[in-house]
């Protein structure tokens, strides 16, 4: 399944991405005290899932 439309998302445990331009990382709040980083890829951006997301029950 290809994701090319605005709003499509890619979710995985490990995602490989490349682009001509990347913004500086911005720290964002996820849950409680846990933090994450967000970057924006632009100009010919590409992302590929390298490892599937694994759920722990």
C-alpha atoms as a PDB file:
ATOM      1  CA  UNK A   1       0.000   0.000   0.000  1.00  0.00           C
ATOM      2  CA  UNK A   2       1.476   3.367  -1.040  1.00  0.00           C
ATOM      3  CA  UNK A   3       0.938   6.524   0.990  1.00  0.00           C
ATOM      4  CA  UNK A   4       1.001   9.643  -1.181  1.00  0.00           C
ATOM      5  CA  UNK A   5      -1.969  11.726  -0.003  1.00  0.00           C
ATOM      6  CA  UNK A   6      -1.927  14.591   2.508  1.00  0.00           C
ATOM      7  CA  UNK A   7      -2.566  13.242   6.005  1.00  0.00           C
ATOM      8  CA  UNK A   8      -1.282   9.696   5.299  1.00  0.00           C
ATOM      9  CA  UNK A   9       0.937   8.354   8.095  1.00  0.00           C
ATOM     10  CA  UNK A  10       3.651   5.711   8.371  1.00  0.00           C
ATOM     11  CA  UNK A  11       4.011   3.938  11.734  1.00  0.00           C
ATOM     12  CA  UNK A  12       6.769   1.547  12.753  1.00  0.00           C
ATOM     13  CA  UNK A  13       9.336   0.745  15.403  1.00  0.00           C
ATOM     14  CA  UNK A  14      12.130   1.971  13.148  1.00  0.00           C
ATOM     15  CA  UNK A  15      11.631   4.281  10.146  1.00  0.00           C
ATOM     16  CA  UNK A  16      14.327   5.255   7.650  1.00  0.00           C
ATOM     17  CA  UNK A  17      13.886   8.725   6.149  1.00  0.00           C
ATOM     18  CA  UNK A  18      15.844  10.980   3.839  1.00  0.00           C
ATOM     19  CA  UNK A  19      15.268  14.407   2.341  1.00  0.00           C
ATOM     20  CA  UNK A  20      17.119  17.351   0.846  1.00  0.00           C
ATOM     21  CA  UNK A  21      16.119  19.630   3.734  1.00  0.00           C
ATOM     22  CA  UNK A  22      15.423  18.712   7.364  1.00  0.00           C
ATOM     23  CA  UNK A  23      14.320  21.120  10.098  1.00  0.00           C
ATOM     24  CA  UNK A  24      16.068  21.281  13.462  1.00  0.00           C
ATOM     25  CA  UNK A  25      14.656  18.763  15.984  1.00  0.00           C
ATOM     26  CA  UNK A  26      11.894  20.140  18.217  1.00  0.00           C
ATOM     27  CA  UNK A  27      11.177  18.497  21.589  1.00  0.00           C
ATOM     28  CA  UNK A  28       7.491  17.613  21.988  1.00  0.00           C
ATOM     29  CA  UNK A  29       5.534  16.131  24.902  1.00  0.00           C
ATOM     30  CA  UNK A  30       4.098  12.652  24.336  1.00  0.00           C
ATOM     31  CA  UNK A  31       2.625  11.205  27.549  1.00  0.00           C
ATOM     32  CA  UNK A  32       3.310  12.460  31.054  1.00  0.00           C
ATOM     33  CA  UNK A  33       7.031  13.017  31.475  1.00  0.00           C
ATOM     34  CA  UNK A  34       7.970  11.225  28.247  1.00  0.00           C
ATOM     35  CA  UNK A  35       9.388  13.400  25.500  1.00  0.00           C
ATOM     36  CA  UNK A  36       9.975  12.876  21.789  1.00  0.00           C
ATOM     37  CA  UNK A  37      11.482  14.827  18.913  1.00  0.00           C
ATOM     38  CA  UNK A  38       9.858  16.045  15.710  1.00  0.00           C
ATOM     39  CA  UNK A  39      11.567  16.989  12.435  1.00  0.00           C
ATOM     40  CA  UNK A  40      10.022  17.983   9.136  1.00  0.00           C
ATOM     41  CA  UNK A  41      11.425  16.511   5.920  1.00  0.00           C
ATOM     42  CA  UNK A  42      10.987  18.566   2.752  1.00  0.00           C
ATOM     43  CA  UNK A  43      12.138  18.638  -0.870  1.00  0.00           C
ATOM     44  CA  UNK A  44      11.996  15.106  -2.278  1.00  0.00           C
ATOM     45  CA  UNK A  45      11.335  13.388   1.082  1.00  0.00           C
ATOM     46  CA  UNK A  46      11.198   9.587   1.393  1.00  0.00           C
ATOM     47  CA  UNK A  47      10.338   7.334   4.362  1.00  0.00           C
ATOM     48  CA  UNK A  48      10.486   3.537   4.667  1.00  0.00           C
ATOM     49  CA  UNK A  49       9.600   1.209   7.551  1.00  0.00           C
ATOM     50  CA  UNK A  50      12.661  -0.821   8.558  1.00  0.00           C
ATOM     51  CA  UNK A  51      11.071  -2.652  11.492  1.00  0.00           C
ATOM     52  CA  UNK A  52       7.376  -3.247  12.134  1.00  0.00           C
ATOM     53  CA  UNK A  53       5.782  -1.845  15.254  1.00  0.00           C
ATOM     54  CA  UNK A  54       5.449  -4.583  17.881  1.00  0.00           C
ATOM     55  CA  UNK A  55       2.707  -4.399  20.472  1.00  0.00           C
ATOM     56  CA  UNK A  56       3.315  -5.648  24.015  1.00  0.00           C
ATOM     57  CA  UNK A  57       0.233  -7.065  25.743  1.00  0.00           C
END
